[in-house]
């Protein structure tokens, strides 16, 4: 696999986890 594709995959994974964390915090505030 190309290094660039790995970087993009990691970036997407981190972004997804960040969104899940924000949603979890939002639910806790509600």
PDB file of N, CA and C in Angstrom:
ATOM      1  N   UNK A   1       0.838  -1.212   0.000  1.00  0.00           N
ATOM      2  CA  UNK A   1       0.000   0.000   0.000  1.00  0.00           C
ATOM      3  C   UNK A   1       0.871   1.259   0.000  1.00  0.00           C
ATOM      4  N   UNK A   2       0.358   2.316  -0.608  1.00  0.00           N
ATOM      5  CA  UNK A   2       1.120   3.566  -0.643  1.00  0.00           C
ATOM      6  C   UNK A   2       1.038   4.279   0.705  1.00  0.00           C
ATOM      7  N   UNK A   3       2.138   4.916   1.117  1.00  0.00           N
ATOM      8  CA  UNK A   3       2.151   5.640   2.410  1.00  0.00           C
ATOM      9  C   UNK A   3       1.041   6.687   2.477  1.00  0.00           C
ATOM     10  N   UNK A   4       0.765   7.365   1.355  1.00  0.00           N
ATOM     11  CA  UNK A   4      -0.266   8.410   1.359  1.00  0.00           C
ATOM     12  C   UNK A   4      -1.624   7.834   1.737  1.00  0.00           C
ATOM     13  N   UNK A   5      -1.963   6.682   1.169  1.00  0.00           N
ATOM     14  CA  UNK A   5      -3.264   6.072   1.462  1.00  0.00           C
ATOM     15  C   UNK A   5      -3.360   5.744   2.943  1.00  0.00           C
ATOM     16  N   UNK A   6      -2.234   5.320   3.534  1.00  0.00           N
ATOM     17  CA  UNK A   6      -2.239   4.994   4.970  1.00  0.00           C
ATOM     18  C   UNK A   6      -2.503   6.256   5.785  1.00  0.00           C
ATOM     19  N   UNK A   7      -1.861   7.361   5.391  1.00  0.00           N
ATOM     20  CA  UNK A   7      -2.038   8.626   6.121  1.00  0.00           C
ATOM     21  C   UNK A   7      -3.501   9.073   6.028  1.00  0.00           C
ATOM     22  N   UNK A   8      -4.076   8.955   4.839  1.00  0.00           N
ATOM     23  CA  UNK A   8      -5.477   9.354   4.645  1.00  0.00           C
ATOM     24  C   UNK A   8      -6.387   8.473   5.487  1.00  0.00           C
ATOM     25  N   UNK A   9      -6.105   7.150   5.491  1.00  0.00           N
ATOM     26  CA  UNK A   9      -6.934   6.218   6.270  1.00  0.00           C
ATOM     27  C   UNK A   9      -6.877   6.557   7.749  1.00  0.00           C
ATOM     28  N   UNK A  10      -5.668   6.844   8.252  1.00  0.00           N
ATOM     29  CA  UNK A  10      -5.512   7.201   9.670  1.00  0.00           C
ATOM     30  C   UNK A  10      -6.248   8.505   9.958  1.00  0.00           C
ATOM     31  N   UNK A  11      -6.144   9.464   9.059  1.00  0.00           N
ATOM     32  CA  UNK A  11      -6.814  10.751   9.247  1.00  0.00           C
ATOM     33  C   UNK A  11      -8.321  10.582   9.330  1.00  0.00           C
ATOM     34  N   UNK A  12      -8.870   9.748   8.448  1.00  0.00           N
ATOM     35  CA  UNK A  12     -10.321   9.508   8.464  1.00  0.00           C
ATOM     36  C   UNK A  12     -10.726   8.824   9.762  1.00  0.00           C
ATOM     37  N   UNK A  13      -9.915   7.843  10.199  1.00  0.00           N
ATOM     38  CA  UNK A  13     -10.228   7.123  11.443  1.00  0.00           C
ATOM     39  C   UNK A  13     -10.248   8.087  12.625  1.00  0.00           C
ATOM     40  N   UNK A  14      -9.239   8.966  12.703  1.00  0.00           N
ATOM     41  CA  UNK A  14      -9.170   9.938  13.799  1.00  0.00           C
ATOM     42  C   UNK A  14     -10.376  10.875  13.741  1.00  0.00           C
ATOM     43  N   UNK A  15     -10.739  11.304  12.532  1.00  0.00           N
ATOM     44  CA  UNK A  15     -11.879  12.213  12.370  1.00  0.00           C
ATOM     45  C   UNK A  15     -13.163  11.545  12.858  1.00  0.00           C
ATOM     46  N   UNK A  16     -13.339  10.270  12.514  1.00  0.00           N
ATOM     47  CA  UNK A  16     -14.548   9.544  12.931  1.00  0.00           C
ATOM     48  C   UNK A  16     -14.611   9.456  14.452  1.00  0.00           C
ATOM     49  N   UNK A  17     -13.468   9.114  15.078  1.00  0.00           N
ATOM     50  CA  UNK A  17     -13.449   9.019  16.543  1.00  0.00           C
ATOM     51  C   UNK A  17     -13.744  10.376  17.167  1.00  0.00           C
ATOM     52  N   UNK A  18     -13.235  11.457  16.565  1.00  0.00           N
ATOM     53  CA  UNK A  18     -13.472  12.805  17.087  1.00  0.00           C
ATOM     54  C   UNK A  18     -14.964  13.132  17.029  1.00  0.00           C
ATOM     55  N   UNK A  19     -15.613  12.786  15.918  1.00  0.00           N
ATOM     56  CA  UNK A  19     -17.051  13.049  15.772  1.00  0.00           C
ATOM     57  C   UNK A  19     -17.837  12.256  16.814  1.00  0.00           C
ATOM     58  N   UNK A  20     -17.466  10.990  17.005  1.00  0.00           N
ATOM     59  CA  UNK A  20     -18.157  10.152  18.000  1.00  0.00           C
ATOM     60  C   UNK A  20     -17.991  10.753  19.392  1.00  0.00           C
ATOM     61  N   UNK A  21     -16.785  11.241  19.703  1.00  0.00           N
ATOM     62  CA  UNK A  21     -16.524  11.833  21.018  1.00  0.00           C
ATOM     63  C   UNK A  21     -17.383  13.086  21.201  1.00  0.00           C
ATOM     64  N   UNK A  22     -17.475  13.924  20.159  1.00  0.00           N
ATOM     65  CA  UNK A  22     -18.283  15.146  20.257  1.00  0.00           C
ATOM     66  C   UNK A  22     -19.752  14.792  20.460  1.00  0.00           C
ATOM     67  N   UNK A  23     -20.242  13.793  19.739  1.00  0.00           N
ATOM     68  CA  UNK A  23     -21.647  13.377  19.885  1.00  0.00           C
ATOM     69  C   UNK A  23     -21.886  12.855  21.301  1.00  0.00           C
ATOM     70  N   UNK A  24     -20.940  12.074  21.821  1.00  0.00           N
ATOM     71  CA  UNK A  24     -21.081  11.519  23.174  1.00  0.00           C
ATOM     72  C   UNK A  24     -21.167  12.654  24.189  1.00  0.00           C
ATOM     73  N   UNK A  25     -20.296  13.673  24.032  1.00  0.00           N
ATOM     74  CA  UNK A  25     -20.325  14.809  24.969  1.00  0.00           C
ATOM     75  C   UNK A  25     -21.641  15.559  24.845  1.00  0.00           C
ATOM     76  N   UNK A  26     -22.133  15.713  23.622  1.00  0.00           N
ATOM     77  CA  UNK A  26     -23.396  16.417  23.402  1.00  0.00           C
ATOM     78  C   UNK A  26     -24.543  15.681  24.081  1.00  0.00           C
ATOM     79  N   UNK A  27     -24.550  14.355  23.990  1.00  0.00           N
ATOM     80  CA  UNK A  27     -25.611  13.560  24.617  1.00  0.00           C
ATOM     81  C   UNK A  27     -25.536  13.698  26.131  1.00  0.00           C
ATOM     82  N   UNK A  28     -24.304  13.730  26.663  1.00  0.00           N
ATOM     83  CA  UNK A  28     -24.146  13.859  28.118  1.00  0.00           C
ATOM     84  C   UNK A  28     -24.693  15.199  28.599  1.00  0.00           C
ATOM     85  N   UNK A  29     -24.481  16.266  27.806  1.00  0.00           N
ATOM     86  CA  UNK A  29     -24.985  17.589  28.191  1.00  0.00           C
ATOM     87  C   UNK A  29     -26.506  17.598  28.186  1.00  0.00           C
ATOM     88  N   UNK A  30     -27.106  16.860  27.265  1.00  0.00           N
ATOM     89  CA  UNK A  30     -28.568  16.817  27.207  1.00  0.00           C
ATOM     90  C   UNK A  30     -29.093  16.034  28.402  1.00  0.00           C
TER      91      UNK A  30
END
